[in-house]
PDB file of N, CA and C in Angstrom:
ATOM      1  N   GLU A   1      11.325  11.506  21.507  1.00  0.00           N
ATOM      2  CA  GLU A   1      12.283  10.604  21.788  1.00  0.00           C
ATOM      3  C   GLU A   1      13.795  11.074  21.375  1.00  0.00           C
ATOM      4  N   LYS A   2      13.951  12.157  20.876  1.00  0.00           N
ATOM      5  CA  LYS A   2      15.269  12.652  20.632  1.00  0.00           C
ATOM      6  C   LYS A   2      15.659  13.435  21.935  1.00  0.00           C
ATOM      7  N   ALA A   3      14.757  13.977  22.810  1.00  0.00           N
ATOM      8  CA  ALA A   3      15.149  14.340  23.971  1.00  0.00           C
ATOM      9  C   ALA A   3      15.470  13.456  25.126  1.00  0.00           C
ATOM     10  N   PHE A   4      15.040  12.363  24.730  1.00  0.00           N
ATOM     11  CA  PHE A   4      15.262  11.263  25.714  1.00  0.00           C
ATOM     12  C   PHE A   4      16.788  10.675  25.376  1.00  0.00           C
ATOM     13  N   ASP A   5      17.054  10.640  24.225  1.00  0.00           N
ATOM     14  CA  ASP A   5      18.449  10.236  23.792  1.00  0.00           C
ATOM     15  C   ASP A   5      19.519  11.404  24.092  1.00  0.00           C
ATOM     16  N   SER A   6      19.293  12.351  23.833  1.00  0.00           N
ATOM     17  CA  SER A   6      20.479  13.239  24.114  1.00  0.00           C
ATOM     18  C   SER A   6      20.365  13.355  25.645  1.00  0.00           C
ATOM     19  N   ALA A   7      19.092  13.677  26.455  1.00  0.00           N
ATOM     20  CA  ALA A   7      19.498  13.449  28.074  1.00  0.00           C
ATOM     21  C   ALA A   7      20.086  12.101  28.581  1.00  0.00           C
ATOM     22  N   ALA A   8      19.683  11.216  28.013  1.00  0.00           N
ATOM     23  CA  ALA A   8      19.890   9.691  28.598  1.00  0.00           C
ATOM     24  C   ALA A   8      21.847   9.814  28.261  1.00  0.00           C
ATOM     25  N   LYS A   9      22.260  10.254  27.186  1.00  0.00           N
ATOM     26  CA  LYS A   9      23.552  10.158  26.776  1.00  0.00           C
ATOM     27  C   LYS A   9      24.359  10.926  27.421  1.00  0.00           C
ATOM     28  N   SER A  10      23.736  12.219  27.882  1.00  0.00           N
ATOM     29  CA  SER A  10      24.616  13.075  28.759  1.00  0.00           C
ATOM     30  C   SER A  10      24.773  12.894  29.886  1.00  0.00           C
ATOM     31  N   GLY A  11      23.792  11.975  30.508  1.00  0.00           N
ATOM     32  CA  GLY A  11      23.357  11.942  31.999  1.00  0.00           C
ATOM     33  C   GLY A  11      23.027  12.967  32.826  1.00  0.00           C
ATOM     34  N   LYS A  12      22.723  14.228  32.488  1.00  0.00           N
ATOM     35  CA  LYS A  12      22.080  15.313  32.914  1.00  0.00           C
ATOM     36  C   LYS A  12      20.674  15.371  32.701  1.00  0.00           C
ATOM     37  N   VAL A  13      19.811  15.492  33.624  1.00  0.00           N
ATOM     38  CA  VAL A  13      18.538  15.793  33.535  1.00  0.00           C
ATOM     39  C   VAL A  13      18.271  16.781  34.618  1.00  0.00           C
ATOM     40  N   LYS A  14      17.906  17.893  34.243  1.00  0.00           N
ATOM     41  CA  LYS A  14      17.533  18.911  35.292  1.00  0.00           C
ATOM     42  C   LYS A  14      16.629  18.601  36.262  1.00  0.00           C
ATOM     43  N   PRO A  15      16.431  18.934  37.471  1.00  0.00           N
ATOM     44  CA  PRO A  15      15.414  18.850  38.221  1.00  0.00           C
ATOM     45  C   PRO A  15      13.856  18.970  37.751  1.00  0.00           C
ATOM     46  N   GLU A  16      13.737  20.218  37.219  1.00  0.00           N
ATOM     47  CA  GLU A  16      12.490  20.734  36.643  1.00  0.00           C
ATOM     48  C   GLU A  16      11.939  19.856  35.138  1.00  0.00           C
ATOM     49  N   GLN A  17      13.037  18.698  34.764  1.00  0.00           N
ATOM     50  CA  GLN A  17      12.882  18.046  33.684  1.00  0.00           C
ATOM     51  C   GLN A  17      12.397  16.654  34.150  1.00  0.00           C
ATOM     52  N   ARG A  18      12.719  16.372  35.365  1.00  0.00           N
ATOM     53  CA  ARG A  18      12.376  15.255  35.705  1.00  0.00           C
ATOM     54  C   ARG A  18      11.078  14.483  35.265  1.00  0.00           C
ATOM     55  N   ALA A  19      10.123  15.061  35.970  1.00  0.00           N
ATOM     56  CA  ALA A  19       8.787  14.433  35.723  1.00  0.00           C
ATOM     57  C   ALA A  19       8.648  14.289  34.246  1.00  0.00           C
ATOM     58  N   SER A  20       8.775  15.203  33.324  1.00  0.00           N
ATOM     59  CA  SER A  20       8.347  14.982  31.783  1.00  0.00           C
ATOM     60  C   SER A  20       9.528  13.817  31.457  1.00  0.00           C
ATOM     61  N   PHE A  21      10.793  13.919  31.942  1.00  0.00           N
ATOM     62  CA  PHE A  21      11.444  12.866  31.405  1.00  0.00           C
ATOM     63  C   PHE A  21      11.171  11.272  31.886  1.00  0.00           C
ATOM     64  N   PHE A  22      10.695  11.244  33.058  1.00  0.00           N
ATOM     65  CA  PHE A  22      10.257   9.903  33.673  1.00  0.00           C
ATOM     66  C   PHE A  22       8.930   9.564  32.739  1.00  0.00           C
ATOM     67  N   GLY A  23       8.128  10.598  32.536  1.00  0.00           N
ATOM     68  CA  GLY A  23       6.951  10.059  31.718  1.00  0.00           C
ATOM     69  C   GLY A  23       7.485   9.638  30.304  1.00  0.00           C
ATOM     70  N   LEU A  24       8.495  10.194  29.709  1.00  0.00           N
ATOM     71  CA  LEU A  24       8.722   9.952  28.565  1.00  0.00           C
ATOM     72  C   LEU A  24       9.606   8.545  28.497  1.00  0.00           C
ATOM     73  N   VAL A  25      10.134   8.077  29.370  1.00  0.00           N
ATOM     74  CA  VAL A  25      10.814   6.929  29.376  1.00  0.00           C
ATOM     75  C   VAL A  25       9.649   5.839  29.740  1.00  0.00           C
ATOM     76  N   GLY A  26       8.580   6.207  30.519  1.00  0.00           N
ATOM     77  CA  GLY A  26       7.534   5.181  30.650  1.00  0.00           C
ATOM     78  C   GLY A  26       6.546   4.600  29.300  1.00  0.00           C
ATOM     79  N   VAL A  27       6.538   6.022  28.446  1.00  0.00           N
ATOM     80  CA  VAL A  27       5.974   5.829  27.178  1.00  0.00           C
ATOM     81  C   VAL A  27       6.754   4.777  26.412  1.00  0.00           C
ATOM     82  N   VAL A  28       7.986   5.222  26.247  1.00  0.00           N
ATOM     83  CA  VAL A  28       9.088   4.531  25.354  1.00  0.00           C
ATOM     84  C   VAL A  28       9.247   2.952  25.888  1.00  0.00           C
ATOM     85  N   ASN A  29       8.889   2.633  27.259  1.00  0.00           N
ATOM     86  CA  ASN A  29       9.060   1.383  27.750  1.00  0.00           C
ATOM     87  C   ASN A  29       7.723   0.597  27.354  1.00  0.00           C
ATOM     88  N   ALA A  30       6.621   1.245  27.584  1.00  0.00           N
ATOM     89  CA  ALA A  30       5.420   0.809  26.828  1.00  0.00           C
ATOM     90  C   ALA A  30       5.313   0.363  25.703  1.00  0.00           C
ATOM     91  N   ARG A  31       6.115   1.260  24.888  1.00  0.00           N
ATOM     92  CA  ARG A  31       5.740   0.888  23.100  1.00  0.00           C
ATOM     93  C   ARG A  31       6.856  -0.297  22.805  1.00  0.00           C
ATOM     94  N   LEU A  32       7.944  -0.543  23.667  1.00  0.00           N
ATOM     95  CA  LEU A  32       8.770  -1.500  23.384  1.00  0.00           C
ATOM     96  C   LEU A  32       8.184  -2.670  24.150  1.00  0.00           C
ATOM     97  N   ALA A  33       7.307  -2.658  25.029  1.00  0.00           N
ATOM     98  CA  ALA A  33       6.715  -3.765  25.588  1.00  0.00           C
ATOM     99  C   ALA A  33       5.736  -4.271  24.677  1.00  0.00           C
ATOM    100  N   TYR A  34       5.028  -3.451  24.211  1.00  0.00           N
ATOM    101  CA  TYR A  34       4.087  -3.793  22.975  1.00  0.00           C
ATOM    102  C   TYR A  34       4.479  -4.229  21.728  1.00  0.00           C
ATOM    103  N   GLU A  35       5.554  -3.708  21.280  1.00  0.00           N
ATOM    104  CA  GLU A  35       6.337  -4.393  20.132  1.00  0.00           C
ATOM    105  C   GLU A  35       6.827  -5.775  20.472  1.00  0.00           C
ATOM    106  N   ARG A  36       7.195  -6.057  21.502  1.00  0.00           N
ATOM    107  CA  ARG A  36       7.580  -7.563  21.940  1.00  0.00           C
ATOM    108  C   ARG A  36       6.395  -8.431  21.995  1.00  0.00           C
ATOM    109  N   PHE A  37       5.304  -8.017  22.606  1.00  0.00           N
ATOM    110  CA  PHE A  37       3.992  -8.519  22.499  1.00  0.00           C
ATOM    111  C   PHE A  37       3.763  -8.828  21.358  1.00  0.00           C
ATOM    112  N   GLU A  38       3.594  -7.894  20.181  1.00  0.00           N
ATOM    113  CA  GLU A  38       3.097  -8.394  18.922  1.00  0.00           C
ATOM    114  C   GLU A  38       4.033  -9.377  18.181  1.00  0.00           C
ATOM    115  N   LYS A  39       5.306  -9.160  18.587  1.00  0.00           N
ATOM    116  CA  LYS A  39       6.514  -9.981  17.880  1.00  0.00           C
ATOM    117  C   LYS A  39       6.140 -11.525  18.363  1.00  0.00           C
ATOM    118  N   LEU A  40       5.983 -11.673  19.751  1.00  0.00           N
ATOM    119  CA  LEU A  40       5.682 -13.044  20.294  1.00  0.00           C
ATOM    120  C   LEU A  40       4.446 -13.592  19.827  1.00  0.00           C
ATOM    121  N   PHE A  41       3.225 -12.949  19.625  1.00  0.00           N
ATOM    122  CA  PHE A  41       2.019 -13.489  19.270  1.00  0.00           C
ATOM    123  C   PHE A  41       1.939 -13.042  17.658  1.00  0.00           C
ATOM    124  N   SER A  42       2.638 -13.481  16.694  1.00  0.00           N
ATOM    125  CA  SER A  42       2.493 -13.351  15.392  1.00  0.00           C
ATOM    126  C   SER A  42       3.501 -14.415  14.715  1.00  0.00           C
ATOM    127  N   GLY A  43       3.404 -14.613  13.355  1.00  0.00           N
ATOM    128  CA  GLY A  43       4.201 -15.384  12.803  1.00  0.00           C
ATOM    129  C   GLY A  43       4.108 -17.143  12.789  1.00  0.00           C
ATOM    130  N   PRO A  44       4.859 -17.774  12.211  1.00  0.00           N
ATOM    131  CA  PRO A  44       4.291 -19.231  11.861  1.00  0.00           C
ATOM    132  C   PRO A  44       4.419 -19.950  13.128  1.00  0.00           C
ATOM    133  N   ARG A  45       5.320 -19.749  14.201  1.00  0.00           N
ATOM    134  CA  ARG A  45       5.562 -20.491  15.482  1.00  0.00           C
ATOM    135  C   ARG A  45       3.916 -20.230  16.073  1.00  0.00           C
ATOM    136  N   TRP A  46       3.580 -18.825  16.265  1.00  0.00           N
ATOM    137  CA  TRP A  46       2.257 -18.558  17.043  1.00  0.00           C
ATOM    138  C   TRP A  46       1.146 -19.157  16.249  1.00  0.00           C
ATOM    139  N   GLU A  47       0.902 -18.976  14.648  1.00  0.00           N
ATOM    140  CA  GLU A  47       0.097 -19.696  14.281  1.00  0.00           C
ATOM    141  C   GLU A  47      -0.021 -21.027  14.489  1.00  0.00           C
ATOM    142  N   ALA A  48       1.021 -21.810  14.398  1.00  0.00           N
ATOM    143  CA  ALA A  48       0.979 -23.102  14.827  1.00  0.00           C
ATOM    144  C   ALA A  48       0.299 -23.542  16.097  1.00  0.00           C
ATOM    145  N   LEU A  49       0.764 -22.892  17.207  1.00  0.00           N
ATOM    146  CA  LEU A  49       0.082 -22.761  18.700  1.00  0.00           C
ATOM    147  C   LEU A  49      -1.431 -22.563  18.589  1.00  0.00           C
ATOM    148  N   LYS A  50      -1.534 -21.472  17.732  1.00  0.00           N
ATOM    149  CA  LYS A  50      -2.947 -20.938  17.639  1.00  0.00           C
ATOM    150  C   LYS A  50      -3.866 -22.163  17.205  1.00  0.00           C
ATOM    151  N   ALA A  51      -3.541 -22.786  16.206  1.00  0.00           N
ATOM    152  CA  ALA A  51      -4.178 -23.960  15.337  1.00  0.00           C
ATOM    153  C   ALA A  51      -4.462 -24.951  16.505  1.00  0.00           C
ATOM    154  N   LYS A  52      -3.836 -25.093  17.416  1.00  0.00           N
ATOM    155  CA  LYS A  52      -3.797 -26.058  18.483  1.00  0.00           C
ATOM    156  C   LYS A  52      -4.517 -25.837  19.738  1.00  0.00           C
ATOM    157  N   GLY A  53      -5.336 -24.546  19.573  1.00  0.00           N
ATOM    158  CA  GLY A  53      -6.041 -23.931  20.758  1.00  0.00           C
ATOM    159  C   GLY A  53      -5.469 -22.868  21.629  1.00  0.00           C
ATOM    160  N   ALA A  54      -4.151 -22.519  21.261  1.00  0.00           N
ATOM    161  CA  ALA A  54      -3.582 -21.497  22.262  1.00  0.00           C
ATOM    162  C   ALA A  54      -4.295 -20.290  22.101  1.00  0.00           C
ATOM    163  N   GLN A  55      -4.232 -19.410  23.327  1.00  0.00           N
ATOM    164  CA  GLN A  55      -4.971 -17.949  23.006  1.00  0.00           C
ATOM    165  C   GLN A  55      -4.055 -17.119  23.569  1.00  0.00           C
ATOM    166  N   VAL A  56      -4.103 -15.934  23.207  1.00  0.00           N
ATOM    167  CA  VAL A  56      -3.119 -14.860  23.467  1.00  0.00           C
ATOM    168  C   VAL A  56      -3.495 -14.411  24.802  1.00  0.00           C
ATOM    169  N   GLN A  57      -2.102 -13.983  25.595  1.00  0.00           N
ATOM    170  CA  GLN A  57      -2.279 -13.509  26.897  1.00  0.00           C
ATOM    171  C   GLN A  57      -1.912 -11.995  26.711  1.00  0.00           C
ATOM    172  N   ARG A  58      -2.944 -11.304  26.740  1.00  0.00           N
ATOM    173  CA  ARG A  58      -2.787  -9.947  26.760  1.00  0.00           C
ATOM    174  C   ARG A  58      -1.832  -9.232  27.713  1.00  0.00           C
ATOM    175  N   PRO A  59      -1.401  -8.110  27.184  1.00  0.00           N
ATOM    176  CA  PRO A  59      -0.582  -7.631  28.286  1.00  0.00           C
ATOM    177  C   PRO A  59      -1.636  -6.818  29.322  1.00  0.00           C
ATOM    178  N   LEU A  60      -1.178  -6.771  30.498  1.00  0.00           N
ATOM    179  CA  LEU A  60      -1.946  -5.852  31.585  1.00  0.00           C
ATOM    180  C   LEU A  60      -1.244  -4.498  31.775  1.00  0.00           C
ATOM    181  N   TRP A  61      -1.677  -3.723  31.686  1.00  0.00           N
ATOM    182  CA  TRP A  61      -1.141  -2.308  31.959  1.00  0.00           C
ATOM    183  C   TRP A  61      -1.651  -1.726  33.357  1.00  0.00           C
ATOM    184  N   ALA A  62      -0.668  -1.420  34.151  1.00  0.00           N
ATOM    185  CA  ALA A  62      -0.979  -1.050  35.765  1.00  0.00           C
ATOM    186  C   ALA A  62       0.158  -0.499  36.084  1.00  0.00           C
ATOM    187  N   SER A  63      -0.342   0.574  36.973  1.00  0.00           N
ATOM    188  CA  SER A  63       0.179   1.603  37.410  1.00  0.00           C
ATOM    189  C   SER A  63       1.112   0.990  38.749  1.00  0.00           C
ATOM    190  N   THR A  64       2.143   1.343  39.056  1.00  0.00           N
ATOM    191  CA  THR A  64       2.937   0.801  40.382  1.00  0.00           C
ATOM    192  C   THR A  64       3.088   1.900  41.116  1.00  0.00           C
ATOM    193  N   GLY A  65       2.651   3.136  40.767  1.00  0.00           N
ATOM    194  CA  GLY A  65       3.061   4.316  41.780  1.00  0.00           C
ATOM    195  C   GLY A  65       2.204   4.171  42.948  1.00  0.00           C
ATOM    196  N   THR A  66       2.807   5.261  44.009  1.00  0.00           N
ATOM    197  CA  THR A  66       1.995   5.320  45.090  1.00  0.00           C
ATOM    198  C   THR A  66       0.868   6.099  44.838  1.00  0.00           C
ATOM    199  N   LYS A  67      -0.303   5.674  45.397  1.00  0.00           N
ATOM    200  CA  LYS A  67      -1.674   6.110  45.243  1.00  0.00           C
ATOM    201  C   LYS A  67      -2.094   7.170  46.328  1.00  0.00           C
ATOM    202  N   ASN A  68      -1.614   6.777  47.395  1.00  0.00           N
ATOM    203  CA  ASN A  68      -1.799   7.788  48.751  1.00  0.00           C
ATOM    204  C   ASN A  68      -0.495   7.890  49.375  1.00  0.00           C
ATOM    205  N   PRO A  69       0.279   8.870  49.029  1.00  0.00           N
ATOM    206  CA  PRO A  69       1.451   9.128  49.745  1.00  0.00           C
ATOM    207  C   PRO A  69       1.465   9.508  51.329  1.00  0.00           C
TER     208      PRO A  69
END
């Protein structure tokens, strides 16, 4: 994540680093999304909804990349 921070701040990513940089960005985004998911489905508000029958909507992880260029 330090590499991500420094590259993002400098605005410079070398062409040979692009693939790994985008992969890192994807992992960081997934972690942030999952943290948000955990926060939404925990705590007193969620427990009250759960007691009334609410169910967890699990995140769907899917690739949006081209499968057959």
